[in-house]
Amino acid sequence: MKPVTVSSTSARYTQDIHIRQFRLIVDEPVAVGGDDSGPKPTELLLASLGSCKAITLKMYAERKGWSLNHVHVELTEASGGNALEGKGRDRPQIQATLHIEGNLTDEQRQRLLVIADKCPIHKMLSASADIHTQLASGIA
């Protein structure tokens, strides 16, 4: 997998992200000194989790031949944003609500609820991934 790169810009907190051929901007809201030119890093984390759950459900339903027409995932940081943003001592609590549409039985819907928690991002976050940070020699 090609590395994801993040570089600061001339703006106070705005970051330029490159992922394969894609470019994203991340920033902080004006209230904390940013320009609000993009989502906050914590919002991208929630978006990664939600999109991973939705993709996992679509793939699973396709393999099973189930009629899953639409998936909508709503995510919030249940402890008020403090834990994900490093404030307070609470362990982060993320609430993900699945809205699934399709010609599905109750049993299939319950199975999809279980499968949603099998997505790679959910597994990574709930396993408390080891993250190793190092200084590079020289300038990027």
Protein backbone atom coordinates (compact mmCIF):
# COMPACT_ATOMS: atom_id res chain seq x y z
CA MET A 1 0.00 0.00 0.00
CA LYS A 2 1.31 3.43 -0.95
CA PRO A 3 1.87 5.71 2.06
CA VAL A 4 -0.59 8.45 2.96
CA THR A 5 1.20 11.80 3.23
CA VAL A 6 0.15 14.84 5.24
CA SER A 7 1.88 18.21 4.85
CA SER A 8 1.33 21.51 6.57
CA THR A 9 0.39 24.52 4.46
CA SER A 10 0.92 28.25 4.85
CA ALA A 11 -2.41 28.43 6.71
CA ARG A 12 -2.30 28.05 10.49
CA TYR A 13 -3.66 24.50 10.89
CA THR A 14 -4.64 23.47 7.36
CA GLN A 15 -3.09 20.18 6.25
CA ASP A 16 -2.75 18.88 2.69
CA ILE A 17 -3.36 15.13 2.48
CA HIS A 18 -2.37 12.92 -0.45
CA ILE A 19 -3.82 9.41 -0.69
CA ARG A 20 -2.87 7.66 -3.94
CA GLN A 21 -4.25 10.01 -6.65
CA PHE A 22 -6.57 11.85 -4.24
CA ARG A 23 -6.05 15.13 -2.40
CA LEU A 24 -7.91 16.19 0.74
CA ILE A 25 -7.73 19.19 3.03
CA VAL A 26 -8.03 18.93 6.80
CA ASP A 27 -8.35 21.91 9.10
CA GLU A 28 -9.74 23.03 12.42
CA PRO A 29 -12.81 25.20 13.00
CA VAL A 30 -12.46 28.97 13.34
CA ALA A 31 -13.38 28.66 17.04
CA VAL A 32 -10.03 26.94 17.73
CA GLY A 33 -7.92 29.05 15.38
CA GLY A 34 -8.34 27.23 12.08
CA ASP A 35 -9.83 28.45 8.81
CA ASP A 36 -12.48 25.70 8.66
CA SER A 37 -11.34 24.91 5.12
CA GLY A 38 -11.90 21.19 5.60
CA PRO A 39 -13.10 18.60 8.08
CA LYS A 40 -11.34 18.12 11.42
CA PRO A 41 -9.11 15.05 11.78
CA THR A 42 -11.62 13.49 14.20
CA GLU A 43 -14.36 13.91 11.59
CA LEU A 44 -12.21 12.10 9.03
CA LEU A 45 -11.72 9.28 11.52
CA LEU A 46 -15.49 8.93 11.91
CA ALA A 47 -15.91 9.13 8.12
CA SER A 48 -13.35 6.34 7.68
CA LEU A 49 -15.21 4.14 10.12
CA GLY A 50 -18.62 4.86 8.60
CA SER A 51 -17.52 4.31 5.02
CA CYS A 52 -15.75 1.09 5.99
CA LYS A 53 -18.91 -0.23 7.66
CA ALA A 54 -21.04 0.70 4.63
CA ILE A 55 -18.63 -0.89 2.13
CA THR A 56 -18.35 -4.04 4.25
CA LEU A 57 -22.15 -4.37 4.36
CA LYS A 58 -22.49 -3.84 0.60
CA MET A 59 -19.79 -6.45 -0.14
CA TYR A 60 -21.29 -8.98 2.26
CA ALA A 61 -24.81 -8.53 0.90
CA GLU A 62 -23.55 -8.88 -2.68
CA ARG A 63 -21.77 -12.15 -1.85
CA LYS A 64 -24.92 -13.47 -0.18
CA GLY A 65 -27.18 -12.30 -3.01
CA TRP A 66 -29.23 -10.16 -0.60
CA SER A 67 -31.24 -7.16 -1.76
CA LEU A 68 -29.44 -4.34 0.08
CA ASN A 69 -30.30 -1.15 -1.80
CA HIS A 70 -28.88 1.60 0.39
CA VAL A 71 -26.68 2.01 3.46
CA HIS A 72 -26.47 5.22 5.48
CA VAL A 73 -24.24 5.31 8.57
CA GLU A 74 -24.51 8.11 11.12
CA LEU A 75 -21.60 8.45 13.54
CA THR A 76 -21.11 10.56 16.64
CA GLU A 77 -18.53 10.66 19.36
CA ALA A 78 -20.75 9.72 22.28
CA SER A 79 -18.65 11.34 25.01
CA GLY A 80 -19.21 14.81 23.53
CA GLY A 81 -16.06 14.99 21.40
CA ASN A 82 -13.74 15.23 24.38
CA ALA A 83 -12.17 11.78 24.30
CA LEU A 84 -11.47 11.69 20.56
CA GLU A 85 -9.93 15.14 20.74
CA GLY A 86 -7.66 14.21 23.64
CA LYS A 87 -9.59 16.11 26.30
CA GLY A 88 -10.49 14.38 29.52
CA ARG A 89 -9.69 10.85 30.57
CA ASP A 90 -12.64 9.04 29.06
CA ARG A 91 -12.07 6.21 26.63
CA PRO A 92 -13.54 7.35 23.30
CA GLN A 93 -17.08 6.14 22.70
CA ILE A 94 -18.27 6.14 19.09
CA GLN A 95 -21.94 5.60 18.31
CA ALA A 96 -22.65 4.25 14.82
CA THR A 97 -26.27 4.03 13.70
CA LEU A 98 -26.98 1.97 10.59
CA HIS A 99 -29.84 2.82 8.26
CA ILE A 100 -30.21 -0.03 5.78
CA GLU A 101 -32.78 -0.25 3.01
CA GLY A 102 -33.65 -3.29 0.99
CA ASN A 103 -35.85 -6.34 0.79
CA LEU A 104 -34.30 -7.98 3.86
CA THR A 105 -35.63 -10.31 6.53
CA ASP A 106 -35.23 -9.46 10.22
CA GLU A 107 -32.60 -12.22 10.41
CA GLN A 108 -30.62 -10.68 7.52
CA ARG A 109 -30.82 -7.23 9.12
CA GLN A 110 -29.48 -8.63 12.41
CA ARG A 111 -26.67 -10.39 10.55
CA LEU A 112 -25.74 -7.11 8.84
CA LEU A 113 -25.57 -5.45 12.26
CA VAL A 114 -22.98 -8.06 13.32
CA ILE A 115 -21.07 -7.82 10.02
CA ALA A 116 -20.79 -4.01 10.30
CA ASP A 117 -18.46 -4.49 13.27
CA LYS A 118 -16.19 -6.76 11.19
CA CYS A 119 -14.94 -3.95 8.95
CA PRO A 120 -11.15 -3.38 9.05
CA ILE A 121 -11.36 0.13 10.54
CA HIS A 122 -13.68 -1.04 13.32
CA LYS A 123 -11.26 -3.86 14.12
CA MET A 124 -8.27 -1.50 14.08
CA LEU A 125 -9.92 1.07 16.37
CA SER A 126 -11.33 -1.45 18.83
CA ALA A 127 -7.99 -3.29 19.04
CA SER A 128 -6.20 -0.06 20.04
CA ALA A 129 -3.65 -0.19 17.24
CA ASP A 130 -0.01 0.29 18.16
CA ILE A 131 1.16 3.52 16.56
CA HIS A 132 4.90 4.15 16.33
CA THR A 133 6.04 7.70 15.53
CA GLN A 134 9.61 8.49 14.52
CA LEU A 135 11.56 11.48 13.24
CA ALA A 136 12.78 11.31 9.66
CA SER A 137 16.29 12.43 8.83
CA GLY A 138 16.29 15.35 6.44
CA ILE A 139 13.42 17.28 4.91
CA ALA A 140 10.47 15.64 3.13
